[in-house]
């Protein structure tokens, strides 16, 4: 009996680019600028990780602020170097924990954050002037969260010019989808966009070291779109935001260095490396040629990366350790600024301390033991990588042109074109797995049986939601009501006045008076005669 020869039958990248049998000088005859020089293909710093390693920034957040505070401190104690805080679905939709519709989701997929006191408890004992924070929340709710953070710094006597971090603040891409329904059910969409700009403007003027927006390419990629779509969608959206700030009278060099991205590192290692290198080049050329930026910092594309969760499987979950490691390596070889390595248990639950520790250790082993960080852009000059970088860049520009001709990304989103493309992509991805065109080891090939996973699963405290809801109700009963009422009426009145009023100051005063997340958002909703579900 002849032994069956095992070989790969699909040589296409995840974006459909056909890998050649081998690459040589006929595939790439170009030249490269050194790292740290325009167009930054090889990295935004000449010495890259020799000068400073990427920030290890594991996303965290669950239950109550007190519980999340303990997890942050644990992560910092084992070597995490930045904070990445996520809030629960209720907070992301501007609902307090005691609102009937929100109660089933309180604290499940992020931290429940309704009050200013929640922010203080979340960061209790954490030196916010020495460690940077990413706050994962979209407008208009991002303004409330940012106001809470800034008032906390003020109360601690920390000048705002000593704060470093990033606010997500993108009205479109925070929800995985991003579906029209998710962004239009809980707040007027155009007002969300406007208030996002208000916060950008406020941060430009008042908080000089804080990134004003994080373009969330990651959540779009997790729907099943490919690397080219991820890059083109996020770059086109960034272009729209740039145009909006220019229309508000800002010079591009005043704000462009403070636009950040949150990108994905998927399983196709070489395509992901090439994508990241191409995105740096697209950004540099777009800012220089289209928007006429002159400051070199405006031309440097900076991104945090989370390793893809979409390829992670509930079956044989320990295989996910290998997947996350490969994706982390792709991010490092691609030259990113910050990394979250997704936990191997994500197909089941939020990460446990054990899986969070393993994610941090994965990054540390790659940084200190693999030696891949010893030189900038170690794959630079590879015929394969350079050819792939050129091809991906060309495809990004082509798709961006289509989007621009349709009126820009925000217009494409509002008209449903983006959602259509996402639905097409997720169908193709699922069909490719079902047809074995994409191999998922342990799922559609090399199945090892249906034995149950023997891993620890994160579980919330049984009474967490009840205690949290009681806290919010009690907080509202005990506070001084008159200042809250006056501040909320001011938010309502100024929202009614329309587009000329920057709402950050009035929202901050409402936070200072003791108003909750939902109360502030409800005042703005009421001003627009907007109803939320009960």
Protein backbone atom coordinates (compact mmCIF):
# COMPACT_ATOMS: atom_id res chain seq x y z
CA UNK A 1 0.00 0.00 0.00
CA UNK A 2 1.48 3.30 -1.08
CA UNK A 3 1.80 6.01 1.54
CA UNK A 4 -0.45 8.99 0.77
CA UNK A 5 1.54 12.14 0.14
CA UNK A 6 0.41 14.99 2.36
CA UNK A 7 0.59 18.42 0.82
CA UNK A 8 -1.12 21.80 0.88
CA UNK A 9 -3.58 22.37 -1.96
CA UNK A 10 -4.54 26.03 -1.42
CA UNK A 11 -1.72 28.50 -2.08
CA UNK A 12 -3.81 31.67 -1.87
CA UNK A 13 -3.45 34.26 0.85
CA UNK A 14 -6.52 35.09 2.92
CA UNK A 15 -7.08 38.05 0.60
CA UNK A 16 -7.01 35.78 -2.43
CA UNK A 17 -3.49 36.60 -3.58
CA UNK A 18 -1.80 33.57 -5.10
CA UNK A 19 1.54 32.73 -3.50
CA UNK A 20 4.16 31.77 -6.06
CA UNK A 21 6.26 28.62 -5.79
CA UNK A 22 9.23 30.83 -5.03
CA UNK A 23 10.20 34.49 -5.33
CA UNK A 24 13.35 36.00 -6.80
CA UNK A 25 14.71 39.25 -8.17
CA UNK A 26 12.22 39.16 -11.04
CA UNK A 27 9.42 39.69 -8.52
CA UNK A 28 10.87 42.74 -6.82
CA UNK A 29 13.49 45.14 -8.11
CA UNK A 30 12.71 48.02 -5.80
CA UNK A 31 14.72 49.80 -3.15
CA UNK A 32 13.97 50.53 0.47
CA UNK A 33 14.45 53.58 2.62
CA UNK A 34 15.87 52.80 6.07
CA UNK A 35 13.46 52.38 8.97
CA UNK A 36 12.37 55.73 10.34
CA UNK A 37 12.38 57.41 6.92
CA UNK A 38 9.55 58.20 4.51
CA UNK A 39 7.45 56.31 3.48
CA UNK A 40 8.14 54.27 6.65
CA UNK A 41 7.68 50.87 5.03
CA UNK A 42 10.27 49.41 7.38
CA UNK A 43 9.00 51.04 10.57
CA UNK A 44 8.43 54.46 12.08
CA UNK A 45 11.69 54.50 14.08
CA UNK A 46 15.17 53.80 12.81
CA UNK A 47 16.05 51.50 15.70
CA UNK A 48 12.50 50.16 16.22
CA UNK A 49 12.47 47.66 19.11
CA UNK A 50 16.15 48.15 19.91
CA UNK A 51 15.17 51.59 21.17
CA UNK A 52 11.91 50.59 22.80
CA UNK A 53 9.87 47.41 22.77
CA UNK A 54 6.23 47.49 21.81
CA UNK A 55 3.78 48.12 24.64
CA UNK A 56 2.29 44.96 26.11
CA UNK A 57 -1.32 46.03 26.47
CA UNK A 58 -3.71 43.19 27.27
CA UNK A 59 -7.35 44.19 27.04
CA UNK A 60 -9.18 43.66 30.31
CA UNK A 61 -12.38 44.58 32.04
CA UNK A 62 -15.22 42.61 33.61
CA UNK A 63 -17.75 42.80 36.40
CA UNK A 64 -17.40 45.76 38.70
CA UNK A 65 -14.68 48.44 38.61
CA UNK A 66 -13.22 46.96 41.78
CA UNK A 67 -12.83 43.52 40.20
CA UNK A 68 -11.26 45.02 37.09
CA UNK A 69 -8.89 47.08 39.22
CA UNK A 70 -7.53 43.88 40.74
CA UNK A 71 -6.97 42.38 37.26
CA UNK A 72 -5.17 45.53 36.02
CA UNK A 73 -2.83 45.43 39.01
CA UNK A 74 -2.19 41.74 38.42
CA UNK A 75 -1.33 42.32 34.77
CA UNK A 76 1.02 45.17 35.62
CA UNK A 77 2.69 42.99 38.24
CA UNK A 78 3.58 40.31 35.66
CA UNK A 79 4.98 42.67 33.05
CA UNK A 80 2.16 44.36 31.20
CA UNK A 81 3.32 47.88 30.27
CA UNK A 82 0.07 49.62 29.29
CA UNK A 83 -3.60 49.50 30.30
CA UNK A 84 -6.35 48.57 27.84
CA UNK A 85 -9.76 48.98 29.44
CA UNK A 86 -13.01 47.73 27.95
CA UNK A 87 -16.49 48.49 29.23
CA UNK A 88 -19.59 46.33 29.09
CA UNK A 89 -22.32 46.45 26.44
CA UNK A 90 -24.59 48.54 28.64
CA UNK A 91 -21.95 51.26 29.04
CA UNK A 92 -21.15 51.11 25.31
CA UNK A 93 -24.78 51.93 24.58
CA UNK A 94 -25.02 54.71 27.16
CA UNK A 95 -27.17 52.78 29.62
CA UNK A 96 -26.75 52.58 33.38
CA UNK A 97 -26.59 49.23 35.11
CA UNK A 98 -30.07 49.69 36.62
CA UNK A 99 -31.83 50.29 33.28
CA UNK A 100 -34.13 47.29 32.56
CA UNK A 101 -32.77 46.59 29.07
CA UNK A 102 -29.18 46.64 30.35
CA UNK A 103 -29.47 44.45 33.39
CA UNK A 104 -28.86 41.10 31.67
CA UNK A 105 -25.54 42.30 30.25
CA UNK A 106 -24.11 44.17 33.24
CA UNK A 107 -20.40 43.45 33.62
CA UNK A 108 -20.38 40.42 31.33
CA UNK A 109 -18.14 41.57 28.46
CA UNK A 110 -16.37 44.49 30.08
CA UNK A 111 -16.46 46.67 33.15
CA UNK A 112 -19.74 48.26 34.20
CA UNK A 113 -19.12 52.03 34.34
CA UNK A 114 -22.03 54.29 35.26
CA UNK A 115 -20.59 56.90 37.66
CA UNK A 116 -17.53 59.05 38.22
CA UNK A 117 -16.87 57.04 41.38
CA UNK A 118 -16.62 53.96 39.15
CA UNK A 119 -13.69 55.52 37.31
CA UNK A 120 -11.93 56.34 40.56
CA UNK A 121 -12.40 52.79 41.83
CA UNK A 122 -11.23 51.33 38.52
CA UNK A 123 -7.92 53.24 38.71
CA UNK A 124 -7.47 53.21 42.48
CA UNK A 125 -3.78 52.86 43.32
CA UNK A 126 -2.69 53.01 39.67
CA UNK A 127 -0.27 55.83 38.70
CA UNK A 128 -2.08 57.27 35.68
CA UNK A 129 0.73 59.76 35.07
CA UNK A 130 3.22 56.90 34.64
CA UNK A 131 1.28 54.29 32.65
CA UNK A 132 -0.73 54.91 29.49
CA UNK A 133 -4.34 53.84 29.13
CA UNK A 134 -6.51 52.94 26.18
CA UNK A 135 -10.20 53.54 26.90
CA UNK A 136 -12.37 51.40 24.62
CA UNK A 137 -15.63 53.26 24.09
CA UNK A 138 -17.20 55.18 21.23
CA UNK A 139 -18.95 58.58 21.07
CA UNK A 140 -20.99 60.06 22.53
CA UNK A 141 -20.24 57.82 25.52
CA UNK A 142 -16.51 58.36 25.04
CA UNK A 143 -16.94 61.97 26.15
CA UNK A 144 -18.45 60.90 29.48
CA UNK A 145 -15.67 58.35 30.06
CA UNK A 146 -12.94 60.80 29.08
CA UNK A 147 -14.46 63.46 31.33
CA UNK A 148 -14.42 61.01 34.24
CA UNK A 149 -10.76 60.20 33.55
CA UNK A 150 -9.71 63.85 33.30
CA UNK A 151 -11.58 64.83 36.45
CA UNK A 152 -9.91 61.94 38.27
CA UNK A 153 -6.51 63.28 37.19
CA UNK A 154 -7.52 66.77 38.31
CA UNK A 155 -8.65 65.45 41.70
CA UNK A 156 -5.26 63.72 42.10
CA UNK A 157 -3.44 66.93 41.22
CA UNK A 158 -2.01 65.52 37.97
CA UNK A 159 -1.74 68.08 35.15
CA UNK A 160 -3.41 66.92 31.96
CA UNK A 161 -0.23 67.43 29.98
CA UNK A 162 1.28 64.49 31.90
CA UNK A 163 -1.42 62.05 30.82
CA UNK A 164 -0.73 59.63 27.97
CA UNK A 165 -3.20 57.31 26.34
CA UNK A 166 -5.85 56.81 23.71
CA UNK A 167 -9.62 57.11 23.57
CA UNK A 168 -11.31 54.89 20.98
CA UNK A 169 -13.81 57.64 20.10
CA UNK A 170 -14.82 56.18 16.71
CA UNK A 171 -18.57 56.31 16.20
CA UNK A 172 -18.65 53.52 13.63
CA UNK A 173 -16.24 50.68 14.30
CA UNK A 174 -16.55 49.86 17.99
CA UNK A 175 -19.24 47.23 17.56
CA UNK A 176 -18.19 44.07 15.79
CA UNK A 177 -19.95 44.33 12.48
CA UNK A 178 -20.25 47.19 12.30
CA UNK A 179 -24.01 46.92 11.76
CA UNK A 180 -26.20 49.92 11.12
CA UNK A 181 -28.58 48.78 13.84
CA UNK A 182 -25.92 48.65 16.55
CA UNK A 183 -24.90 52.25 15.98
CA UNK A 184 -28.30 53.78 15.29
CA UNK A 185 -30.57 52.16 17.88
CA UNK A 186 -29.23 53.85 21.02
CA UNK A 187 -28.23 57.36 19.94
CA UNK A 188 -28.70 59.68 16.94
CA UNK A 189 -25.90 58.68 14.58
CA UNK A 190 -25.02 62.10 13.19
CA UNK A 191 -24.89 63.54 16.69
CA UNK A 192 -22.52 60.72 17.71
CA UNK A 193 -20.18 61.71 14.88
CA UNK A 194 -20.41 65.38 15.87
CA UNK A 195 -19.68 64.73 19.55
CA UNK A 196 -16.74 62.54 18.56
CA UNK A 197 -15.31 65.56 16.76
CA UNK A 198 -16.04 67.71 19.82
CA UNK A 199 -13.90 65.40 21.94
CA UNK A 200 -11.09 65.37 19.36
CA UNK A 201 -11.12 69.16 19.35
CA UNK A 202 -11.09 69.33 23.16
CA UNK A 203 -8.18 66.90 23.44
CA UNK A 204 -6.19 68.75 20.77
CA UNK A 205 -6.46 71.91 22.84
CA UNK A 206 -6.34 70.58 26.41
CA UNK A 207 -4.59 67.20 26.63
CA UNK A 208 -1.49 67.40 24.40
CA UNK A 209 -0.19 63.82 24.78
CA UNK A 210 -3.48 61.98 24.38
CA UNK A 211 -4.48 60.26 21.12
CA UNK A 212 -7.74 61.78 19.94
CA UNK A 213 -9.15 58.72 18.15
CA UNK A 214 -8.37 55.05 17.61
CA UNK A 215 -9.57 53.81 14.22
CA UNK A 216 -10.81 50.32 15.06
CA UNK A 217 -9.82 48.20 12.08
CA UNK A 218 -9.69 45.16 14.35
CA UNK A 219 -13.41 44.89 14.98
CA UNK A 220 -14.10 45.17 11.26
CA UNK A 221 -11.57 42.43 10.48
CA UNK A 222 -13.12 40.10 13.01
CA UNK A 223 -16.28 39.94 10.90
CA UNK A 224 -14.45 37.94 8.25
CA UNK A 225 -13.27 40.66 5.85
CA UNK A 226 -9.77 40.22 4.44
CA UNK A 227 -6.52 42.11 5.00
CA UNK A 228 -7.01 44.45 2.05
CA UNK A 229 -10.53 45.38 3.16
CA UNK A 230 -9.36 45.91 6.74
CA UNK A 231 -6.68 48.31 5.54
CA UNK A 232 -8.77 50.16 2.95
CA UNK A 233 -11.83 50.53 5.17
CA UNK A 234 -9.84 51.91 8.09
CA UNK A 235 -7.72 54.25 5.97
CA UNK A 236 -10.82 55.62 4.21
CA UNK A 237 -12.54 56.19 7.54
CA UNK A 238 -9.46 57.99 8.85
CA UNK A 239 -9.50 60.19 5.74
CA UNK A 240 -13.08 61.17 6.53
CA UNK A 241 -12.16 62.14 10.09
CA UNK A 242 -9.20 64.17 8.81
CA UNK A 243 -11.50 66.04 6.42
CA UNK A 244 -13.89 66.75 9.28
CA UNK A 245 -11.17 68.27 11.46
CA UNK A 246 -9.87 70.32 8.53
CA UNK A 247 -13.40 71.68 8.11
CA UNK A 248 -13.30 72.71 11.77
CA UNK A 249 -10.30 74.87 10.96
CA UNK A 250 -7.42 72.73 12.23
CA UNK A 251 -4.14 72.40 10.37
CA UNK A 252 -3.47 68.75 9.59
CA UNK A 253 -0.13 68.78 11.41
CA UNK A 254 -1.90 69.91 14.55
CA UNK A 255 -3.79 66.65 14.96
CA UNK A 256 -2.54 63.94 12.56
CA UNK A 257 0.26 62.76 14.91
CA UNK A 258 -2.45 61.94 17.43
CA UNK A 259 -4.60 59.69 15.24
CA UNK A 260 -4.00 56.07 16.21
CA UNK A 261 -5.18 52.76 14.80
CA UNK A 262 -6.21 49.44 16.31
CA UNK A 263 -5.46 46.68 13.81
CA UNK A 264 -5.64 42.92 13.53
CA UNK A 265 -2.93 40.28 13.19
CA UNK A 266 -4.42 37.21 11.51
CA UNK A 267 -3.07 33.74 10.75
CA UNK A 268 -1.56 34.38 7.30
CA UNK A 269 1.83 35.44 8.64
CA UNK A 270 3.44 36.91 5.52
CA UNK A 271 0.27 38.64 4.36
CA UNK A 272 -0.19 40.23 7.78
CA UNK A 273 3.41 41.48 7.84
CA UNK A 274 3.01 42.86 4.32
CA UNK A 275 -0.34 44.45 5.21
CA UNK A 276 1.15 46.33 8.15
CA UNK A 277 4.09 47.54 6.05
CA UNK A 278 1.70 48.60 3.25
CA UNK A 279 -0.56 50.47 5.68
CA UNK A 280 2.39 52.53 6.92
CA UNK A 281 3.17 53.44 3.33
CA UNK A 282 -0.43 54.26 2.41
CA UNK A 283 -0.79 56.50 5.46
CA UNK A 284 2.47 58.34 4.78
CA UNK A 285 1.61 58.97 1.15
CA UNK A 286 -1.99 59.91 1.87
CA UNK A 287 -1.00 62.44 4.50
CA UNK A 288 1.81 63.93 2.42
CA UNK A 289 0.23 63.97 -1.02
CA UNK A 290 -3.49 64.35 -0.35
CA UNK A 291 -3.55 66.29 2.90
CA UNK A 292 -0.24 68.17 2.45
CA UNK A 293 1.12 67.35 5.90
CA UNK A 294 4.63 68.71 6.51
CA UNK A 295 5.44 67.39 9.99
CA UNK A 296 7.18 64.01 9.75
CA UNK A 297 5.22 62.85 12.81
CA UNK A 298 2.01 63.32 10.84
CA UNK A 299 3.28 60.81 8.29
CA UNK A 300 4.06 58.00 10.74
CA UNK A 301 1.29 55.44 11.02
CA UNK A 302 1.00 54.12 14.57
CA UNK A 303 -1.05 51.09 15.44
CA UNK A 304 -1.89 48.82 18.30
CA UNK A 305 -2.65 45.24 17.34
CA UNK A 306 -4.78 42.52 18.83
CA UNK A 307 -4.24 39.01 17.57
CA UNK A 308 -7.29 37.69 15.75
CA UNK A 309 -9.92 35.87 17.78
CA UNK A 310 -11.87 34.74 14.71
CA UNK A 311 -9.53 31.77 13.98
CA UNK A 312 -9.62 30.59 17.60
CA UNK A 313 -11.64 27.46 18.20
CA UNK A 314 -13.66 25.96 21.02
CA UNK A 315 -12.60 22.50 19.86
CA UNK A 316 -9.06 21.63 21.02
CA UNK A 317 -8.63 25.08 22.60
CA UNK A 318 -4.95 24.56 23.47
CA UNK A 319 -4.27 24.78 19.73
CA UNK A 320 -5.16 28.45 20.11
CA UNK A 321 -1.91 29.03 21.99
CA UNK A 322 -0.03 28.27 18.78
CA UNK A 323 -2.38 30.41 16.70
CA UNK A 324 -2.03 33.41 19.01
CA UNK A 325 1.75 33.02 19.05
CA UNK A 326 1.95 33.05 15.24
CA UNK A 327 -0.28 36.12 15.10
CA UNK A 328 1.78 37.88 17.77
CA UNK A 329 4.93 37.12 15.79
CA UNK A 330 3.30 38.63 12.68
CA UNK A 331 2.59 41.83 14.61
CA UNK A 332 6.18 42.03 15.83
CA UNK A 333 7.66 41.34 12.40
CA UNK A 334 5.26 43.96 11.02
CA UNK A 335 6.61 46.62 13.38
CA UNK A 336 3.58 47.64 15.47
CA UNK A 337 3.58 49.85 18.58
CA UNK A 338 1.36 47.87 20.97
CA UNK A 339 0.13 44.29 21.18
CA UNK A 340 -2.69 42.40 22.86
CA UNK A 341 -2.27 38.64 22.52
CA UNK A 342 -5.74 37.09 22.60
CA UNK A 343 -6.23 34.40 25.23
CA UNK A 344 -6.48 30.78 24.13
CA UNK A 345 -9.75 30.47 26.07
CA UNK A 346 -11.57 33.27 24.24
CA UNK A 347 -13.84 30.84 22.41
CA UNK A 348 -15.28 30.01 25.83
CA UNK A 349 -15.09 33.08 28.03
CA UNK A 350 -13.24 36.18 29.07
CA UNK A 351 -9.60 35.41 29.90
CA UNK A 352 -8.72 33.92 33.26
CA UNK A 353 -5.64 35.13 35.13
CA UNK A 354 -3.88 32.03 33.84
CA UNK A 355 -4.58 32.74 30.17
CA UNK A 356 -3.87 36.45 30.60
CA UNK A 357 -0.49 35.55 32.08
CA UNK A 358 0.25 33.22 29.19
CA UNK A 359 -0.56 36.01 26.73
CA UNK A 360 1.89 38.35 28.46
CA UNK A 361 4.52 35.60 28.62
CA UNK A 362 4.06 34.90 24.90
CA UNK A 363 5.01 38.48 24.11
CA UNK A 364 7.90 38.43 26.56
CA UNK A 365 9.33 35.20 25.09
CA UNK A 366 9.11 36.60 21.56
CA UNK A 367 10.74 39.84 22.71
CA UNK A 368 13.55 38.41 24.81
CA UNK A 369 14.16 34.84 23.64
CA UNK A 370 13.38 34.65 19.91
CA UNK A 371 15.76 37.50 18.90
CA UNK A 372 13.32 38.73 16.24
CA UNK A 373 13.34 42.18 17.85
CA UNK A 374 17.10 42.57 17.52
CA UNK A 375 16.90 44.29 14.12
CA UNK A 376 14.32 46.60 12.59
CA UNK A 377 12.14 45.04 9.87
CA UNK A 378 13.97 41.69 9.79
CA UNK A 379 11.96 40.52 6.77
CA UNK A 380 12.75 43.65 4.77
CA UNK A 381 14.28 42.83 1.40
CA UNK A 382 12.62 39.43 1.20
CA UNK A 383 11.44 39.02 -2.36
CA UNK A 384 8.19 37.48 -1.12
CA UNK A 385 7.49 40.13 1.53
CA UNK A 386 8.38 43.09 -0.68
CA UNK A 387 6.37 41.77 -3.62
CA UNK A 388 3.41 41.09 -1.35
CA UNK A 389 3.70 44.52 0.28
CA UNK A 390 3.58 46.19 -3.14
CA UNK A 391 0.61 44.13 -4.28
CA UNK A 392 -1.38 44.71 -1.10
CA UNK A 393 -0.66 48.44 -1.21
CA UNK A 394 -1.94 48.61 -4.78
CA UNK A 395 -5.14 46.76 -3.84
CA UNK A 396 -5.66 49.07 -0.82
CA UNK A 397 -5.45 52.14 -3.05
CA UNK A 398 -7.87 50.59 -5.55
CA UNK A 399 -10.50 49.89 -2.88
CA UNK A 400 -10.00 53.30 -1.27
CA UNK A 401 -10.69 54.89 -4.66
CA UNK A 402 -13.98 53.02 -4.91
CA UNK A 403 -14.97 54.20 -1.43
CA UNK A 404 -14.01 57.79 -2.19
CA UNK A 405 -16.05 57.77 -5.39
CA UNK A 406 -19.05 56.65 -3.33
CA UNK A 407 -18.72 59.67 -1.06
CA UNK A 408 -16.31 58.40 1.59
CA UNK A 409 -16.47 55.69 4.21
CA UNK A 410 -19.00 57.33 6.53
CA UNK A 411 -21.40 57.83 3.63
CA UNK A 412 -20.84 54.23 2.48
CA UNK A 413 -21.60 53.08 6.00
CA UNK A 414 -24.81 55.08 6.32
CA UNK A 415 -26.03 53.80 2.95
CA UNK A 416 -25.42 50.17 3.96
CA UNK A 417 -22.65 49.48 1.44
CA UNK A 418 -20.10 48.67 4.16
CA UNK A 419 -22.45 46.25 5.89
CA UNK A 420 -23.16 44.54 2.56
CA UNK A 421 -19.45 44.02 1.94
CA UNK A 422 -18.98 42.68 5.45
CA UNK A 423 -21.86 40.24 5.07
CA UNK A 424 -20.45 39.00 1.76
CA UNK A 425 -17.02 38.52 3.34
CA UNK A 426 -18.26 36.65 6.40
CA UNK A 427 -20.27 34.34 4.16
CA UNK A 428 -17.21 33.63 1.99
CA UNK A 429 -15.09 32.96 5.07
CA UNK A 430 -17.61 30.56 6.61
CA UNK A 431 -18.14 28.79 3.29
CA UNK A 432 -14.38 28.39 2.79
CA UNK A 433 -14.08 26.62 6.15
CA UNK A 434 -17.12 24.46 5.44
CA UNK A 435 -15.69 23.46 2.04
CA UNK A 436 -12.22 22.81 3.51
CA UNK A 437 -10.75 25.54 1.33
CA UNK A 438 -9.41 26.99 4.58
CA UNK A 439 -7.99 24.40 6.95
CA UNK A 440 -8.71 24.80 10.65
CA UNK A 441 -6.73 22.13 12.44
CA UNK A 442 -8.87 20.13 14.84
CA UNK A 443 -12.08 21.43 13.29
CA UNK A 444 -12.32 20.54 9.61
CA UNK A 445 -9.07 18.58 9.37
CA UNK A 446 -7.08 16.39 11.79
CA UNK A 447 -10.06 16.15 14.11
CA UNK A 448 -9.10 14.43 17.32
CA UNK A 449 -12.54 13.58 18.59
CA UNK A 450 -15.25 15.38 20.51
CA UNK A 451 -13.73 15.19 23.96
CA UNK A 452 -14.59 18.12 26.18
CA UNK A 453 -12.00 20.80 26.81
CA UNK A 454 -10.21 20.51 30.14
CA UNK A 455 -9.37 24.16 30.65
CA UNK A 456 -10.31 26.61 33.34
CA UNK A 457 -13.21 28.86 32.39
CA UNK A 458 -13.62 32.40 33.68
CA UNK A 459 -16.77 32.79 35.73
CA UNK A 460 -18.30 35.93 37.19
CA UNK A 461 -19.25 36.12 40.84
CA UNK A 462 -22.83 34.90 41.13
CA UNK A 463 -24.18 38.06 42.76
CA UNK A 464 -22.10 40.53 40.73
CA UNK A 465 -24.97 41.90 38.66
CA UNK A 466 -27.35 42.21 41.60
CA UNK A 467 -24.80 44.12 43.68
CA UNK A 468 -23.91 46.32 40.76
CA UNK A 469 -27.53 47.26 40.05
CA UNK A 470 -28.16 47.97 43.73
CA UNK A 471 -25.08 50.20 43.85
CA UNK A 472 -26.25 52.38 40.95
CA UNK A 473 -29.75 52.73 42.41
CA UNK A 474 -28.33 53.64 45.82
CA UNK A 475 -25.87 56.11 44.28
CA UNK A 476 -28.71 57.97 42.56
CA UNK A 477 -30.76 58.10 45.78
CA UNK A 478 -27.99 59.46 48.01
CA UNK A 479 -26.38 62.20 45.89
CA UNK A 480 -27.25 65.89 45.96
CA UNK A 481 -29.95 66.05 43.28
CA UNK A 482 -30.13 69.78 42.57
CA UNK A 483 -26.67 70.20 40.93
CA UNK A 484 -27.35 67.09 38.83
CA UNK A 485 -30.67 68.49 37.63
CA UNK A 486 -29.12 71.86 36.67
CA UNK A 487 -26.19 70.25 34.84
CA UNK A 488 -28.43 67.88 32.87
CA UNK A 489 -30.76 70.71 31.87
CA UNK A 490 -27.71 72.58 30.59
CA UNK A 491 -26.65 69.58 28.52
CA UNK A 492 -30.19 69.34 27.15
CA UNK A 493 -30.40 73.04 26.32
CA UNK A 494 -27.02 73.23 24.61
CA UNK A 495 -27.66 70.07 22.60
CA UNK A 496 -30.87 71.69 21.36
CA UNK A 497 -28.86 74.71 20.17
CA UNK A 498 -27.17 72.56 17.52
CA UNK A 499 -23.83 72.08 15.85
CA UNK A 500 -21.89 75.15 16.98
CA UNK A 501 -21.58 74.17 20.63
CA UNK A 502 -18.75 71.90 21.76
CA UNK A 503 -20.40 69.57 24.26
CA UNK A 504 -17.33 68.34 26.15
CA UNK A 505 -17.33 71.15 28.72
CA UNK A 506 -21.03 70.83 29.61
CA UNK A 507 -20.74 67.04 29.80
CA UNK A 508 -17.73 67.35 32.07
CA UNK A 509 -19.68 69.65 34.37
CA UNK A 510 -22.51 67.12 34.49
CA UNK A 511 -20.03 64.41 35.48
CA UNK A 512 -18.60 66.72 38.14
CA UNK A 513 -22.12 67.33 39.48
CA UNK A 514 -22.71 63.58 39.89
CA UNK A 515 -24.72 62.70 36.78
CA UNK A 516 -24.44 59.16 35.48
CA UNK A 517 -23.57 57.91 32.00
CA UNK A 518 -27.18 57.28 31.01
CA UNK A 519 -28.53 60.48 32.53
CA UNK A 520 -26.11 62.55 30.47
CA UNK A 521 -26.88 60.59 27.30
CA UNK A 522 -30.62 60.74 27.99
CA UNK A 523 -30.45 64.54 28.21
CA UNK A 524 -28.96 64.61 24.71
CA UNK A 525 -31.40 61.99 23.44
CA UNK A 526 -34.31 64.00 24.81
CA UNK A 527 -33.03 67.10 23.04
CA UNK A 528 -33.28 65.19 19.75
CA UNK A 529 -36.62 63.51 20.56
CA UNK A 530 -34.81 60.19 20.32
CA UNK A 531 -36.29 57.12 21.99
CA UNK A 532 -34.26 54.13 23.19
CA UNK A 533 -35.68 50.62 23.66
CA UNK A 534 -37.19 49.77 27.03
